[in-house]
Amino acid sequence: MILCLLAIVQGITEFLPISSSAHLILLHEISGQTPNALALDVAVHMGSIVAVLIYLRTEVMQVLRGCLQWLSGNRDTTDARLALCLVLVTIPTLIIGAILAVTGLVDQLRNPTVIGVTMIVFGIWLWWAHKTSPEERGMDDWRLSDVAKMGLWQAVALIPGTSRSGITMTTARLLRFKRHAAAKISMLMSIPVTLSTGGYLGIKVAKDGMPDGLWADVGLAALLSFIAAYISLVLMMKFLHRVSFTPYVIYRIILGVILLVVTI
């Protein structure tokens, strides 16, 4: 039961601006540390990233073409610029994530009080960004000048409760991207980060070893996460044409307040 819940929660929350890591941490806290939780976390991350790879298959192909163009020396193309932006925007998160992992600070941030504060603060910031910033730019207008801001703020999302998707959408809206374009850029940015996270956790699982009998559970978790993530993606992108980010902000504030009331 907990395996199914873990997978579905990860899939639903991964690309919504409500912090998947916060929900997974809270789920582990409520249910207790489940056996082989690390292996299951790897599975649900991989399931969700397959969903976004399929959903953004056109943009993913653009990035792959851009990488090949860079290698061949043809760097003045739309695809090459998109690939370069995606590589550069990921670097701050990888560096800061490595520092947090090596120093052990990442574990100190995993507590309900921190999550409660970040859920509220960054939720309000998302609302403010959307209300005050005009919607002028499309995804094709993603430039190198945007990369530094988006990359640094994405690294801040390593603090649980911040929401990687939430803070990157916030930054994109502050840069005047349309809400649909902001969501697409955020999802594209998630691919190298999630693959890196899954790879890091996978190495830890490989070192510890995994019982043969767990493979079925891991496969089921990945499948459920994929299904939940894909449905969540489709619905979010459909509703963003008509609905703002306000419902997500309200949810963040309510959950944040509950966490603070319970923990303080």
C-alpha atoms as a PDB file:
ATOM      1  CA  MET A   1       0.000   0.000   0.000  1.00  0.00           C
ATOM      2  CA  ILE A   2       2.733   2.476   0.968  1.00  0.00           C
ATOM      3  CA  LEU A   3       4.627   1.617  -2.216  1.00  0.00           C
ATOM      4  CA  CYS A   4       1.644   2.517  -4.400  1.00  0.00           C
ATOM      5  CA  LEU A   5       1.020   5.727  -2.465  1.00  0.00           C
ATOM      6  CA  LEU A   6       4.688   6.713  -2.688  1.00  0.00           C
ATOM      7  CA  ALA A   7       4.750   6.189  -6.447  1.00  0.00           C
ATOM      8  CA  ILE A   8       1.494   8.024  -7.136  1.00  0.00           C
ATOM      9  CA  VAL A   9       2.386  10.988  -4.903  1.00  0.00           C
ATOM     10  CA  GLN A  10       5.776  11.332  -6.632  1.00  0.00           C
ATOM     11  CA  GLY A  11       4.199  11.153 -10.060  1.00  0.00           C
ATOM     12  CA  ILE A  12       1.493  13.706  -9.328  1.00  0.00           C
ATOM     13  CA  THR A  13       3.681  16.234  -7.512  1.00  0.00           C
ATOM     14  CA  GLU A  14       6.959  16.021  -9.485  1.00  0.00           C
ATOM     15  CA  PHE A  15       6.066  18.648 -12.092  1.00  0.00           C
ATOM     16  CA  LEU A  16       3.423  20.619 -10.210  1.00  0.00           C
ATOM     17  CA  PRO A  17       4.708  23.688  -8.305  1.00  0.00           C
ATOM     18  CA  ILE A  18       3.976  22.099  -4.908  1.00  0.00           C
ATOM     19  CA  SER A  19       7.279  20.295  -4.101  1.00  0.00           C
ATOM     20  CA  SER A  20       7.453  16.555  -4.688  1.00  0.00           C
ATOM     21  CA  SER A  21      10.387  16.190  -2.264  1.00  0.00           C
ATOM     22  CA  ALA A  22       8.331  17.748   0.521  1.00  0.00           C
ATOM     23  CA  HIS A  23       5.502  15.296  -0.067  1.00  0.00           C
ATOM     24  CA  LEU A  24       7.856  12.292  -0.185  1.00  0.00           C
ATOM     25  CA  ILE A  25       9.638  13.364   3.018  1.00  0.00           C
ATOM     26  CA  LEU A  26       6.331  13.863   4.803  1.00  0.00           C
ATOM     27  CA  LEU A  27       5.033  10.535   3.543  1.00  0.00           C
ATOM     28  CA  HIS A  28       8.107   8.782   4.915  1.00  0.00           C
ATOM     29  CA  GLU A  29       7.712  10.635   8.224  1.00  0.00           C
ATOM     30  CA  ILE A  30       4.046   9.680   8.581  1.00  0.00           C
ATOM     31  CA  SER A  31       4.394   6.056   7.504  1.00  0.00           C
ATOM     32  CA  GLY A  32       7.804   5.423   9.012  1.00  0.00           C
ATOM     33  CA  GLN A  33      10.898   4.592   6.995  1.00  0.00           C
ATOM     34  CA  THR A  34       9.818   1.879   4.606  1.00  0.00           C
ATOM     35  CA  PRO A  35      12.165  -1.002   3.806  1.00  0.00           C
ATOM     36  CA  ASN A  36      14.335  -0.316   0.750  1.00  0.00           C
ATOM     37  CA  ALA A  37      12.974   3.234   0.608  1.00  0.00           C
ATOM     38  CA  LEU A  38      16.037   4.428  -1.309  1.00  0.00           C
ATOM     39  CA  ALA A  39      15.493   1.917  -4.117  1.00  0.00           C
ATOM     40  CA  LEU A  40      11.842   2.891  -4.330  1.00  0.00           C
ATOM     41  CA  ASP A  41      12.784   6.594  -4.489  1.00  0.00           C
ATOM     42  CA  VAL A  42      15.022   5.815  -7.466  1.00  0.00           C
ATOM     43  CA  ALA A  43      12.170   3.940  -9.144  1.00  0.00           C
ATOM     44  CA  VAL A  44       9.616   6.722  -8.744  1.00  0.00           C
ATOM     45  CA  HIS A  45      12.090   9.347  -9.963  1.00  0.00           C
ATOM     46  CA  MET A  46      12.833   7.312 -13.076  1.00  0.00           C
ATOM     47  CA  GLY A  47       9.136   6.688 -13.721  1.00  0.00           C
ATOM     48  CA  SER A  48       8.358  10.393 -13.575  1.00  0.00           C
ATOM     49  CA  ILE A  49      11.273  11.373 -15.822  1.00  0.00           C
ATOM     50  CA  VAL A  50      10.172   8.895 -18.500  1.00  0.00           C
ATOM     51  CA  ALA A  51       6.795  10.650 -18.445  1.00  0.00           C
ATOM     52  CA  VAL A  52       8.314  14.060 -19.132  1.00  0.00           C
ATOM     53  CA  LEU A  53      10.645  12.647 -21.799  1.00  0.00           C
ATOM     54  CA  ILE A  54       7.624  11.308 -23.672  1.00  0.00           C
ATOM     55  CA  TYR A  55       5.522  14.427 -23.131  1.00  0.00           C
ATOM     56  CA  LEU A  56       8.324  16.752 -24.270  1.00  0.00           C
ATOM     57  CA  ARG A  57       9.613  14.422 -26.968  1.00  0.00           C
ATOM     58  CA  THR A  58       9.705  17.242 -29.558  1.00  0.00           C
ATOM     59  CA  GLU A  59      11.797  19.502 -27.319  1.00  0.00           C
ATOM     60  CA  VAL A  60      13.995  16.578 -26.242  1.00  0.00           C
ATOM     61  CA  MET A  61      14.754  15.833 -29.892  1.00  0.00           C
ATOM     62  CA  GLN A  62      15.632  19.495 -30.382  1.00  0.00           C
ATOM     63  CA  VAL A  63      18.122  19.285 -27.508  1.00  0.00           C
ATOM     64  CA  LEU A  64      19.668  16.095 -28.874  1.00  0.00           C
ATOM     65  CA  ARG A  65      20.012  17.664 -32.322  1.00  0.00           C
ATOM     66  CA  GLY A  66      21.516  20.727 -30.701  1.00  0.00           C
ATOM     67  CA  CYS A  67      24.118  18.614 -28.896  1.00  0.00           C
ATOM     68  CA  LEU A  68      25.106  16.975 -32.179  1.00  0.00           C
ATOM     69  CA  GLN A  69      25.296  20.372 -33.852  1.00  0.00           C
ATOM     70  CA  TRP A  70      27.599  21.620 -31.114  1.00  0.00           C
ATOM     71  CA  LEU A  71      29.876  18.628 -31.566  1.00  0.00           C
ATOM     72  CA  SER A  72      29.989  19.241 -35.306  1.00  0.00           C
ATOM     73  CA  GLY A  73      30.793  22.932 -34.825  1.00  0.00           C
ATOM     74  CA  ASN A  74      27.401  24.204 -36.050  1.00  0.00           C
ATOM     75  CA  ARG A  75      26.517  26.281 -32.980  1.00  0.00           C
ATOM     76  CA  ASP A  76      24.463  29.139 -34.387  1.00  0.00           C
ATOM     77  CA  THR A  77      21.118  27.326 -34.551  1.00  0.00           C
ATOM     78  CA  THR A  78      17.973  27.356 -32.428  1.00  0.00           C
ATOM     79  CA  ASP A  79      18.516  23.744 -31.354  1.00  0.00           C
ATOM     80  CA  ALA A  80      22.168  24.371 -30.442  1.00  0.00           C
ATOM     81  CA  ARG A  81      21.204  27.385 -28.307  1.00  0.00           C
ATOM     82  CA  LEU A  82      18.480  25.368 -26.575  1.00  0.00           C
ATOM     83  CA  ALA A  83      20.960  22.586 -25.779  1.00  0.00           C
ATOM     84  CA  LEU A  84      23.506  25.070 -24.452  1.00  0.00           C
ATOM     85  CA  CYS A  85      20.909  26.773 -22.258  1.00  0.00           C
ATOM     86  CA  LEU A  86      19.846  23.428 -20.789  1.00  0.00           C
ATOM     87  CA  VAL A  87      23.428  22.407 -19.995  1.00  0.00           C
ATOM     88  CA  LEU A  88      24.390  25.734 -18.414  1.00  0.00           C
ATOM     89  CA  VAL A  89      21.190  26.108 -16.394  1.00  0.00           C
ATOM     90  CA  THR A  90      21.818  22.713 -14.757  1.00  0.00           C
ATOM     91  CA  ILE A  91      25.363  23.398 -13.537  1.00  0.00           C
ATOM     92  CA  PRO A  92      24.539  25.414 -10.345  1.00  0.00           C
ATOM     93  CA  THR A  93      22.183  22.697  -9.098  1.00  0.00           C
ATOM     94  CA  LEU A  94      24.738  19.946  -9.675  1.00  0.00           C
ATOM     95  CA  ILE A  95      27.492  21.895  -7.866  1.00  0.00           C
ATOM     96  CA  ILE A  96      25.402  22.952  -4.874  1.00  0.00           C
ATOM     97  CA  GLY A  97      23.717  19.536  -4.711  1.00  0.00           C
ATOM     98  CA  ALA A  98      27.123  17.857  -4.534  1.00  0.00           C
ATOM     99  CA  ILE A  99      28.204  20.209  -1.733  1.00  0.00           C
ATOM    100  CA  LEU A 100      25.050  19.522   0.283  1.00  0.00           C
ATOM    101  CA  ALA A 101      25.445  15.771  -0.202  1.00  0.00           C
ATOM    102  CA  VAL A 102      29.129  15.710   0.804  1.00  0.00           C
ATOM    103  CA  THR A 103      28.668  17.944   3.863  1.00  0.00           C
ATOM    104  CA  GLY A 104      25.498  16.199   5.012  1.00  0.00           C
ATOM    105  CA  LEU A 105      23.578  19.486   5.089  1.00  0.00           C
ATOM    106  CA  VAL A 106      20.930  17.987   2.825  1.00  0.00           C
ATOM    107  CA  ASP A 107      19.751  15.750   5.698  1.00  0.00           C
ATOM    108  CA  GLN A 108      19.547  18.689   8.115  1.00  0.00           C
ATOM    109  CA  LEU A 109      17.138  20.489   5.803  1.00  0.00           C
ATOM    110  CA  ARG A 110      14.728  17.573   5.703  1.00  0.00           C
ATOM    111  CA  ASN A 111      12.398  18.587   8.538  1.00  0.00           C
ATOM    112  CA  PRO A 112       8.727  19.656   8.624  1.00  0.00           C
ATOM    113  CA  THR A 113       9.429  23.186   9.920  1.00  0.00           C
ATOM    114  CA  VAL A 114      11.728  24.022   7.024  1.00  0.00           C
ATOM    115  CA  ILE A 115       9.216  22.520   4.606  1.00  0.00           C
ATOM    116  CA  GLY A 116       6.365  24.529   6.125  1.00  0.00           C
ATOM    117  CA  VAL A 117       8.225  27.830   5.798  1.00  0.00           C
ATOM    118  CA  THR A 118       9.430  27.224   2.248  1.00  0.00           C
ATOM    119  CA  MET A 119       6.015  26.020   1.097  1.00  0.00           C
ATOM    120  CA  ILE A 120       4.452  29.309   2.264  1.00  0.00           C
ATOM    121  CA  VAL A 121       7.212  31.756   1.268  1.00  0.00           C
ATOM    122  CA  PHE A 122       7.845  30.427  -2.224  1.00  0.00           C
ATOM    123  CA  GLY A 123       4.148  29.847  -2.798  1.00  0.00           C
ATOM    124  CA  ILE A 124       3.430  33.531  -2.138  1.00  0.00           C
ATOM    125  CA  TRP A 125       6.346  34.473  -4.367  1.00  0.00           C
ATOM    126  CA  LEU A 126       4.887  32.406  -7.230  1.00  0.00           C
ATOM    127  CA  TRP A 127       1.558  34.195  -6.823  1.00  0.00           C
ATOM    128  CA  TRP A 128       3.232  37.605  -6.794  1.00  0.00           C
ATOM    129  CA  ALA A 129       5.363  36.815  -9.853  1.00  0.00           C
ATOM    130  CA  HIS A 130       2.355  35.666 -11.842  1.00  0.00           C
ATOM    131  CA  LYS A 131       0.213  38.639 -10.848  1.00  0.00           C
ATOM    132  CA  THR A 132       2.824  41.323 -11.525  1.00  0.00           C
ATOM    133  CA  SER A 133       4.682  40.024 -14.598  1.00  0.00           C
ATOM    134  CA  PRO A 134       3.269  40.395 -18.132  1.00  0.00           C
ATOM    135  CA  GLU A 135       3.035  37.322 -20.346  1.00  0.00           C
ATOM    136  CA  GLU A 136       5.091  38.263 -23.389  1.00  0.00           C
ATOM    137  CA  ARG A 137       7.662  35.582 -24.206  1.00  0.00           C
ATOM    138  CA  GLY A 138       7.439  32.069 -25.638  1.00  0.00           C
ATOM    139  CA  MET A 139       9.717  29.107 -25.155  1.00  0.00           C
ATOM    140  CA  ASP A 140      11.602  29.872 -28.387  1.00  0.00           C
ATOM    141  CA  ASP A 141      12.726  33.117 -26.729  1.00  0.00           C
ATOM    142  CA  TRP A 142      14.697  31.314 -23.981  1.00  0.00           C
ATOM    143  CA  ARG A 143      18.086  33.044 -24.059  1.00  0.00           C
ATOM    144  CA  LEU A 144      21.483  32.644 -22.421  1.00  0.00           C
ATOM    145  CA  SER A 145      20.802  35.853 -20.500  1.00  0.00           C
ATOM    146  CA  ASP A 146      17.988  34.002 -18.663  1.00  0.00           C
ATOM    147  CA  VAL A 147      20.135  31.015 -17.725  1.00  0.00           C
ATOM    148  CA  ALA A 148      22.050  32.443 -14.747  1.00  0.00           C
ATOM    149  CA  LYS A 149      18.922  33.530 -12.875  1.00  0.00           C
ATOM    150  CA  MET A 150      16.974  30.352 -13.592  1.00  0.00           C
ATOM    151  CA  GLY A 151      19.934  28.104 -12.804  1.00  0.00           C
ATOM    152  CA  LEU A 152      20.689  29.728  -9.448  1.00  0.00           C
ATOM    153  CA  TRP A 153      17.057  29.699  -8.356  1.00  0.00           C
ATOM    154  CA  GLN A 154      16.704  26.079  -9.420  1.00  0.00           C
ATOM    155  CA  ALA A 155      19.606  25.277  -7.068  1.00  0.00           C
ATOM    156  CA  VAL A 156      17.665  26.909  -4.211  1.00  0.00           C
ATOM    157  CA  ALA A 157      15.009  24.242  -4.746  1.00  0.00           C
ATOM    158  CA  LEU A 158      17.375  21.726  -3.154  1.00  0.00           C
ATOM    159  CA  ILE A 159      15.818  23.018   0.075  1.00  0.00           C
ATOM    160  CA  PRO A 160      12.793  20.738   0.608  1.00  0.00           C
ATOM    161  CA  GLY A 161       9.459  22.466   0.215  1.00  0.00           C
ATOM    162  CA  THR A 162      10.769  25.089  -2.212  1.00  0.00           C
ATOM    163  CA  SER A 163       9.662  23.072  -5.270  1.00  0.00           C
ATOM    164  CA  ARG A 164      12.025  22.886  -8.229  1.00  0.00           C
ATOM    165  CA  SER A 165       9.179  23.281 -10.684  1.00  0.00           C
ATOM    166  CA  GLY A 166       7.592  26.034  -8.610  1.00  0.00           C
ATOM    167  CA  ILE A 167      10.672  28.216  -8.315  1.00  0.00           C
ATOM    168  CA  THR A 168      11.692  27.781 -11.955  1.00  0.00           C
ATOM    169  CA  MET A 169       8.180  28.680 -13.082  1.00  0.00           C
ATOM    170  CA  THR A 170       8.308  31.696 -10.763  1.00  0.00           C
ATOM    171  CA  THR A 171      11.609  32.846 -12.242  1.00  0.00           C
ATOM    172  CA  ALA A 172      10.338  32.315 -15.774  1.00  0.00           C
ATOM    173  CA  ARG A 173       7.240  34.389 -15.055  1.00  0.00           C
ATOM    174  CA  LEU A 174       9.414  37.167 -13.589  1.00  0.00           C
ATOM    175  CA  LEU A 175      11.305  37.057 -16.889  1.00  0.00           C
ATOM    176  CA  ARG A 176       7.939  37.650 -18.610  1.00  0.00           C
ATOM    177  CA  PHE A 177       7.455  34.167 -20.057  1.00  0.00           C
ATOM    178  CA  LYS A 178       3.877  33.100 -20.669  1.00  0.00           C
ATOM    179  CA  ARG A 179       2.612  30.613 -18.083  1.00  0.00           C
ATOM    180  CA  HIS A 180       2.525  27.743 -20.605  1.00  0.00           C
ATOM    181  CA  ALA A 181       6.084  28.507 -21.762  1.00  0.00           C
ATOM    182  CA  ALA A 182       7.249  28.838 -18.151  1.00  0.00           C
ATOM    183  CA  ALA A 183       5.875  25.388 -17.354  1.00  0.00           C
ATOM    184  CA  LYS A 184       7.505  23.837 -20.433  1.00  0.00           C
ATOM    185  CA  ILE A 185      10.904  25.354 -19.688  1.00  0.00           C
ATOM    186  CA  SER A 186      10.607  24.164 -16.086  1.00  0.00           C
ATOM    187  CA  MET A 187       9.831  20.616 -17.200  1.00  0.00           C
ATOM    188  CA  LEU A 188      12.706  20.605 -19.670  1.00  0.00           C
ATOM    189  CA  MET A 189      15.046  21.810 -16.922  1.00  0.00           C
ATOM    190  CA  SER A 190      13.887  18.923 -14.749  1.00  0.00           C
ATOM    191  CA  ILE A 191      15.285  16.261 -17.088  1.00  0.00           C
ATOM    192  CA  PRO A 192      19.051  16.556 -16.401  1.00  0.00           C
ATOM    193  CA  VAL A 193      18.453  17.306 -12.721  1.00  0.00           C
ATOM    194  CA  THR A 194      16.158  14.329 -12.168  1.00  0.00           C
ATOM    195  CA  LEU A 195      18.436  12.019 -14.153  1.00  0.00           C
ATOM    196  CA  SER A 196      21.370  13.186 -12.019  1.00  0.00           C
ATOM    197  CA  THR A 197      19.415  12.665  -8.799  1.00  0.00           C
ATOM    198  CA  GLY A 198      18.264   9.239  -9.911  1.00  0.00           C
ATOM    199  CA  GLY A 199      21.802   8.318 -10.919  1.00  0.00           C
ATOM    200  CA  TYR A 200      23.225   9.440  -7.569  1.00  0.00           C
ATOM    201  CA  LEU A 201      20.600   7.493  -5.631  1.00  0.00           C
ATOM    202  CA  GLY A 202      21.058   4.522  -7.967  1.00  0.00           C
ATOM    203  CA  ILE A 203      24.778   4.401  -7.164  1.00  0.00           C
ATOM    204  CA  LYS A 204      23.962   4.339  -3.457  1.00  0.00           C
ATOM    205  CA  VAL A 205      21.491   1.510  -4.025  1.00  0.00           C
ATOM    206  CA  ALA A 206      24.056  -0.424  -6.052  1.00  0.00           C
ATOM    207  CA  LYS A 207      26.627  -0.083  -3.270  1.00  0.00           C
ATOM    208  CA  ASP A 208      24.174  -1.319  -0.634  1.00  0.00           C
ATOM    209  CA  GLY A 209      22.796  -4.077  -2.853  1.00  0.00           C
ATOM    210  CA  MET A 210      19.143  -4.856  -3.503  1.00  0.00           C
ATOM    211  CA  PRO A 211      17.337  -8.132  -2.785  1.00  0.00           C
ATOM    212  CA  ASP A 212      16.186 -10.009  -5.884  1.00  0.00           C
ATOM    213  CA  GLY A 213      12.622 -10.046  -4.605  1.00  0.00           C
ATOM    214  CA  LEU A 214      12.459  -6.261  -4.620  1.00  0.00           C
ATOM    215  CA  TRP A 215      12.650  -5.908  -8.403  1.00  0.00           C
ATOM    216  CA  ALA A 216       8.912  -6.467  -8.819  1.00  0.00           C
ATOM    217  CA  ASP A 217       8.145  -3.704  -6.297  1.00  0.00           C
ATOM    218  CA  VAL A 218      10.598  -1.351  -7.970  1.00  0.00           C
ATOM    219  CA  GLY A 219       9.049  -2.020 -11.365  1.00  0.00           C
ATOM    220  CA  LEU A 220       5.547  -1.423 -10.047  1.00  0.00           C
ATOM    221  CA  ALA A 221       6.621   1.819  -8.351  1.00  0.00           C
ATOM    222  CA  ALA A 222       8.213   3.091 -11.572  1.00  0.00           C
ATOM    223  CA  LEU A 223       5.122   2.200 -13.610  1.00  0.00           C
ATOM    224  CA  LEU A 224       2.683   3.862 -11.203  1.00  0.00           C
ATOM    225  CA  SER A 225       4.882   6.965 -10.993  1.00  0.00           C
ATOM    226  CA  PHE A 226       5.042   7.165 -14.787  1.00  0.00           C
ATOM    227  CA  ILE A 227       1.264   6.912 -15.188  1.00  0.00           C
ATOM    228  CA  ALA A 228       0.545   9.467 -12.442  1.00  0.00           C
ATOM    229  CA  ALA A 229       3.199  11.879 -13.744  1.00  0.00           C
ATOM    230  CA  TYR A 230       2.008  11.731 -17.338  1.00  0.00           C
ATOM    231  CA  ILE A 231      -1.632  12.322 -16.409  1.00  0.00           C
ATOM    232  CA  SER A 232      -0.580  15.157 -14.098  1.00  0.00           C
ATOM    233  CA  LEU A 233       1.485  16.760 -16.875  1.00  0.00           C
ATOM    234  CA  VAL A 234      -1.311  16.591 -19.420  1.00  0.00           C
ATOM    235  CA  LEU A 235      -3.875  18.068 -17.035  1.00  0.00           C
ATOM    236  CA  MET A 236      -1.575  20.840 -15.775  1.00  0.00           C
ATOM    237  CA  MET A 237      -0.613  21.990 -19.266  1.00  0.00           C
ATOM    238  CA  LYS A 238      -4.242  21.854 -20.378  1.00  0.00           C
ATOM    239  CA  PHE A 239      -5.539  23.854 -17.427  1.00  0.00           C
ATOM    240  CA  LEU A 240      -2.751  26.465 -17.542  1.00  0.00           C
ATOM    241  CA  HIS A 241      -4.331  27.870 -20.688  1.00  0.00           C
ATOM    242  CA  ARG A 242      -7.383  28.782 -18.600  1.00  0.00           C
ATOM    243  CA  VAL A 243      -6.319  28.670 -14.934  1.00  0.00           C
ATOM    244  CA  SER A 244      -3.511  30.566 -13.225  1.00  0.00           C
ATOM    245  CA  PHE A 245      -1.069  29.245 -10.603  1.00  0.00           C
ATOM    246  CA  THR A 246      -3.339  30.464  -7.777  1.00  0.00           C
ATOM    247  CA  PRO A 247      -4.831  27.030  -6.858  1.00  0.00           C
ATOM    248  CA  TYR A 248      -1.310  25.650  -6.345  1.00  0.00           C
ATOM    249  CA  VAL A 249      -0.403  28.665  -4.209  1.00  0.00           C
ATOM    250  CA  ILE A 250      -3.449  28.187  -1.997  1.00  0.00           C
ATOM    251  CA  TYR A 251      -2.600  24.500  -1.551  1.00  0.00           C
ATOM    252  CA  ARG A 252       1.008  25.350  -0.641  1.00  0.00           C
ATOM    253  CA  ILE A 253      -0.024  27.907   1.969  1.00  0.00           C
ATOM    254  CA  ILE A 254      -2.592  25.617   3.579  1.00  0.00           C
ATOM    255  CA  LEU A 255      -0.156  22.696   3.806  1.00  0.00           C
ATOM    256  CA  GLY A 256       2.628  24.973   5.036  1.00  0.00           C
ATOM    257  CA  VAL A 257       0.461  26.409   7.802  1.00  0.00           C
ATOM    258  CA  ILE A 258      -0.636  22.923   8.895  1.00  0.00           C
ATOM    259  CA  LEU A 259       2.985  21.781   9.093  1.00  0.00           C
ATOM    260  CA  LEU A 260       4.015  24.805  11.165  1.00  0.00           C
ATOM    261  CA  VAL A 261       1.059  24.442  13.530  1.00  0.00           C
ATOM    262  CA  VAL A 262       1.845  20.763  14.068  1.00  0.00           C
ATOM    263  CA  THR A 263       5.623  21.141  14.488  1.00  0.00           C
ATOM    264  CA  ILE A 264       6.043  24.433  16.355  1.00  0.00           C
END
